[in-house]
Amino acid sequence: MRPSTLRALNRAAELTRQNRLTEAMLIAEPVILTADAYEGEEIRQWLRDHVSDFTGENHRPPKELP
């Protein structure tokens, strides 16, 4: 992932935690929309791995039933 993309995602996460969702979307959306297929997959994985960066909470994946 390009460093500029990572910076934008980190900034969007910071703004989201501050309840500034509109600003977060203005920063993240162009980066996400212009990503190629490879970087798009990296972004999706980063978002999955960093949910707590956006919520400020520590989320654990749901437990699988036996």
N, C-alpha and C. Protein backbone atom coordinates (compact mmCIF):
# COMPACT_ATOMS: atom_id res chain seq x y z
N MET A 1 0.85 -1.16 0.00
CA MET A 1 0.00 0.00 0.00
C MET A 1 0.90 1.24 0.00
N ARG A 2 0.50 2.21 -0.78
CA ARG A 2 1.30 3.43 -0.84
C ARG A 2 1.27 4.17 0.51
N PRO A 3 2.36 4.80 0.87
CA PRO A 3 2.40 5.54 2.13
C PRO A 3 1.29 6.60 2.22
N SER A 4 0.97 7.26 1.11
CA SER A 4 -0.07 8.28 1.13
C SER A 4 -1.44 7.67 1.43
N THR A 5 -1.67 6.45 0.95
CA THR A 5 -2.93 5.76 1.24
C THR A 5 -3.01 5.42 2.71
N LEU A 6 -1.94 4.91 3.26
CA LEU A 6 -1.91 4.56 4.68
C LEU A 6 -2.11 5.80 5.54
N ARG A 7 -1.48 6.90 5.20
CA ARG A 7 -1.67 8.14 5.95
C ARG A 7 -3.14 8.58 5.92
N ALA A 8 -3.76 8.48 4.75
CA ALA A 8 -5.16 8.88 4.63
C ALA A 8 -6.06 7.99 5.48
N LEU A 9 -5.82 6.69 5.48
CA LEU A 9 -6.63 5.78 6.29
C LEU A 9 -6.43 6.03 7.77
N ASN A 10 -5.21 6.26 8.18
CA ASN A 10 -4.94 6.56 9.59
C ASN A 10 -5.61 7.87 10.01
N ARG A 11 -5.56 8.87 9.15
CA ARG A 11 -6.20 10.15 9.45
C ARG A 11 -7.72 9.98 9.52
N ALA A 12 -8.28 9.20 8.60
CA ALA A 12 -9.72 8.95 8.62
C ALA A 12 -10.13 8.24 9.91
N ALA A 13 -9.31 7.31 10.36
CA ALA A 13 -9.60 6.62 11.61
C ALA A 13 -9.58 7.60 12.78
N GLU A 14 -8.59 8.48 12.79
CA GLU A 14 -8.49 9.47 13.86
C GLU A 14 -9.72 10.38 13.87
N LEU A 15 -10.13 10.85 12.71
CA LEU A 15 -11.30 11.72 12.62
C LEU A 15 -12.58 10.99 13.03
N THR A 16 -12.69 9.73 12.67
CA THR A 16 -13.87 8.95 13.04
C THR A 16 -13.97 8.83 14.55
N ARG A 17 -12.86 8.58 15.22
CA ARG A 17 -12.87 8.49 16.68
C ARG A 17 -13.30 9.80 17.32
N GLN A 18 -13.08 10.91 16.60
CA GLN A 18 -13.48 12.23 17.10
C GLN A 18 -14.90 12.59 16.66
N ASN A 19 -15.63 11.60 16.14
CA ASN A 19 -17.01 11.82 15.65
C ASN A 19 -17.07 12.83 14.51
N ARG A 20 -16.05 12.82 13.67
CA ARG A 20 -15.98 13.71 12.51
C ARG A 20 -16.02 12.85 11.24
N LEU A 21 -17.13 12.10 11.12
CA LEU A 21 -17.26 11.12 10.05
C LEU A 21 -17.24 11.75 8.66
N THR A 22 -17.89 12.88 8.49
CA THR A 22 -17.93 13.52 7.17
C THR A 22 -16.51 13.85 6.71
N GLU A 23 -15.72 14.42 7.58
CA GLU A 23 -14.34 14.74 7.23
C GLU A 23 -13.54 13.48 6.95
N ALA A 24 -13.78 12.45 7.73
CA ALA A 24 -13.07 11.18 7.53
C ALA A 24 -13.38 10.62 6.15
N MET A 25 -14.64 10.67 5.77
CA MET A 25 -15.03 10.16 4.46
C MET A 25 -14.43 10.99 3.33
N LEU A 26 -14.37 12.30 3.52
CA LEU A 26 -13.77 13.16 2.49
C LEU A 26 -12.31 12.83 2.25
N ILE A 27 -11.64 12.35 3.28
CA ILE A 27 -10.23 11.98 3.15
C ILE A 27 -10.07 10.57 2.59
N ALA A 28 -10.84 9.64 3.10
CA ALA A 28 -10.66 8.23 2.74
C ALA A 28 -11.28 7.85 1.40
N GLU A 29 -12.43 8.41 1.08
CA GLU A 29 -13.15 7.97 -0.12
C GLU A 29 -12.35 8.11 -1.41
N PRO A 30 -11.71 9.24 -1.69
CA PRO A 30 -10.96 9.34 -2.94
C PRO A 30 -9.82 8.32 -3.03
N VAL A 31 -9.19 8.05 -1.91
CA VAL A 31 -8.08 7.09 -1.89
C VAL A 31 -8.60 5.69 -2.20
N ILE A 32 -9.74 5.36 -1.60
CA ILE A 32 -10.32 4.03 -1.81
C ILE A 32 -10.81 3.88 -3.25
N LEU A 33 -11.46 4.91 -3.77
CA LEU A 33 -12.03 4.82 -5.11
C LEU A 33 -10.98 4.78 -6.22
N THR A 34 -9.81 5.35 -5.96
CA THR A 34 -8.78 5.37 -7.00
C THR A 34 -7.78 4.22 -6.90
N ALA A 35 -7.95 3.39 -5.89
CA ALA A 35 -7.03 2.26 -5.71
C ALA A 35 -7.22 1.23 -6.82
N ASP A 36 -6.13 0.64 -7.26
CA ASP A 36 -6.24 -0.46 -8.22
C ASP A 36 -6.65 -1.73 -7.46
N ALA A 37 -6.84 -2.81 -8.18
CA ALA A 37 -7.34 -4.05 -7.57
C ALA A 37 -6.40 -4.54 -6.46
N TYR A 38 -5.11 -4.47 -6.68
CA TYR A 38 -4.14 -4.94 -5.69
C TYR A 38 -4.19 -4.09 -4.44
N GLU A 39 -4.12 -2.76 -4.62
CA GLU A 39 -4.15 -1.88 -3.46
C GLU A 39 -5.51 -1.92 -2.79
N GLY A 40 -6.56 -2.10 -3.56
CA GLY A 40 -7.90 -2.21 -2.99
C GLY A 40 -8.00 -3.37 -2.02
N GLU A 41 -7.39 -4.49 -2.37
CA GLU A 41 -7.38 -5.64 -1.47
C GLU A 41 -6.57 -5.34 -0.22
N GLU A 42 -5.45 -4.64 -0.38
CA GLU A 42 -4.66 -4.24 0.79
C GLU A 42 -5.46 -3.32 1.70
N ILE A 43 -6.23 -2.41 1.12
CA ILE A 43 -7.05 -1.50 1.91
C ILE A 43 -8.12 -2.28 2.66
N ARG A 44 -8.79 -3.21 1.98
CA ARG A 44 -9.81 -4.03 2.65
C ARG A 44 -9.22 -4.80 3.82
N GLN A 45 -8.04 -5.37 3.61
CA GLN A 45 -7.40 -6.12 4.69
C GLN A 45 -7.01 -5.19 5.83
N TRP A 46 -6.49 -4.02 5.50
CA TRP A 46 -6.12 -3.06 6.53
C TRP A 46 -7.34 -2.66 7.34
N LEU A 47 -8.47 -2.40 6.67
CA LEU A 47 -9.70 -2.03 7.38
C LEU A 47 -10.16 -3.16 8.30
N ARG A 48 -10.08 -4.40 7.83
CA ARG A 48 -10.47 -5.53 8.68
C ARG A 48 -9.56 -5.62 9.90
N ASP A 49 -8.28 -5.38 9.70
CA ASP A 49 -7.30 -5.50 10.78
C ASP A 49 -7.34 -4.32 11.75
N HIS A 50 -7.94 -3.21 11.36
CA HIS A 50 -7.88 -1.98 12.16
C HIS A 50 -9.25 -1.44 12.54
N VAL A 51 -10.21 -2.30 12.73
CA VAL A 51 -11.54 -1.86 13.13
C VAL A 51 -11.47 -1.01 14.39
N SER A 52 -10.66 -1.43 15.34
CA SER A 52 -10.59 -0.69 16.61
C SER A 52 -9.98 0.71 16.42
N ASP A 53 -9.22 0.93 15.36
CA ASP A 53 -8.69 2.27 15.09
C ASP A 53 -9.83 3.25 14.82
N PHE A 54 -10.91 2.75 14.24
CA PHE A 54 -12.05 3.60 13.91
C PHE A 54 -13.02 3.73 15.07
N THR A 55 -13.16 2.69 15.86
CA THR A 55 -14.15 2.71 16.94
C THR A 55 -13.56 3.13 18.28
N GLY A 56 -12.26 2.98 18.43
CA GLY A 56 -11.64 3.26 19.71
C GLY A 56 -11.84 2.14 20.71
N GLU A 57 -12.40 1.02 20.25
CA GLU A 57 -12.65 -0.13 21.10
C GLU A 57 -11.80 -1.29 20.63
N ASN A 58 -11.60 -2.23 21.53
CA ASN A 58 -10.87 -3.45 21.17
C ASN A 58 -11.88 -4.52 20.83
N HIS A 59 -12.01 -4.81 19.55
CA HIS A 59 -12.95 -5.84 19.10
C HIS A 59 -12.22 -7.15 18.91
N ARG A 60 -12.90 -8.21 19.28
CA ARG A 60 -12.38 -9.54 19.04
C ARG A 60 -13.29 -10.22 18.04
N PRO A 61 -12.74 -11.04 17.18
CA PRO A 61 -13.60 -11.75 16.25
C PRO A 61 -14.58 -12.64 17.00
N PRO A 62 -15.78 -12.84 16.47
CA PRO A 62 -16.73 -13.72 17.17
C PRO A 62 -16.20 -15.13 17.28
N LYS A 63 -16.53 -15.77 18.41
CA LYS A 63 -16.09 -17.14 18.61
C LYS A 63 -16.90 -18.07 17.73
N GLU A 64 -16.22 -19.07 17.21
CA GLU A 64 -16.92 -20.06 16.40
C GLU A 64 -17.60 -21.06 17.31
N LEU A 65 -18.77 -21.48 16.89
CA LEU A 65 -19.50 -22.47 17.65
C LEU A 65 -18.86 -23.84 17.44
N PRO A 66 -18.84 -24.68 18.50
CA PRO A 66 -18.23 -26.00 18.36
C PRO A 66 -19.05 -26.90 17.45
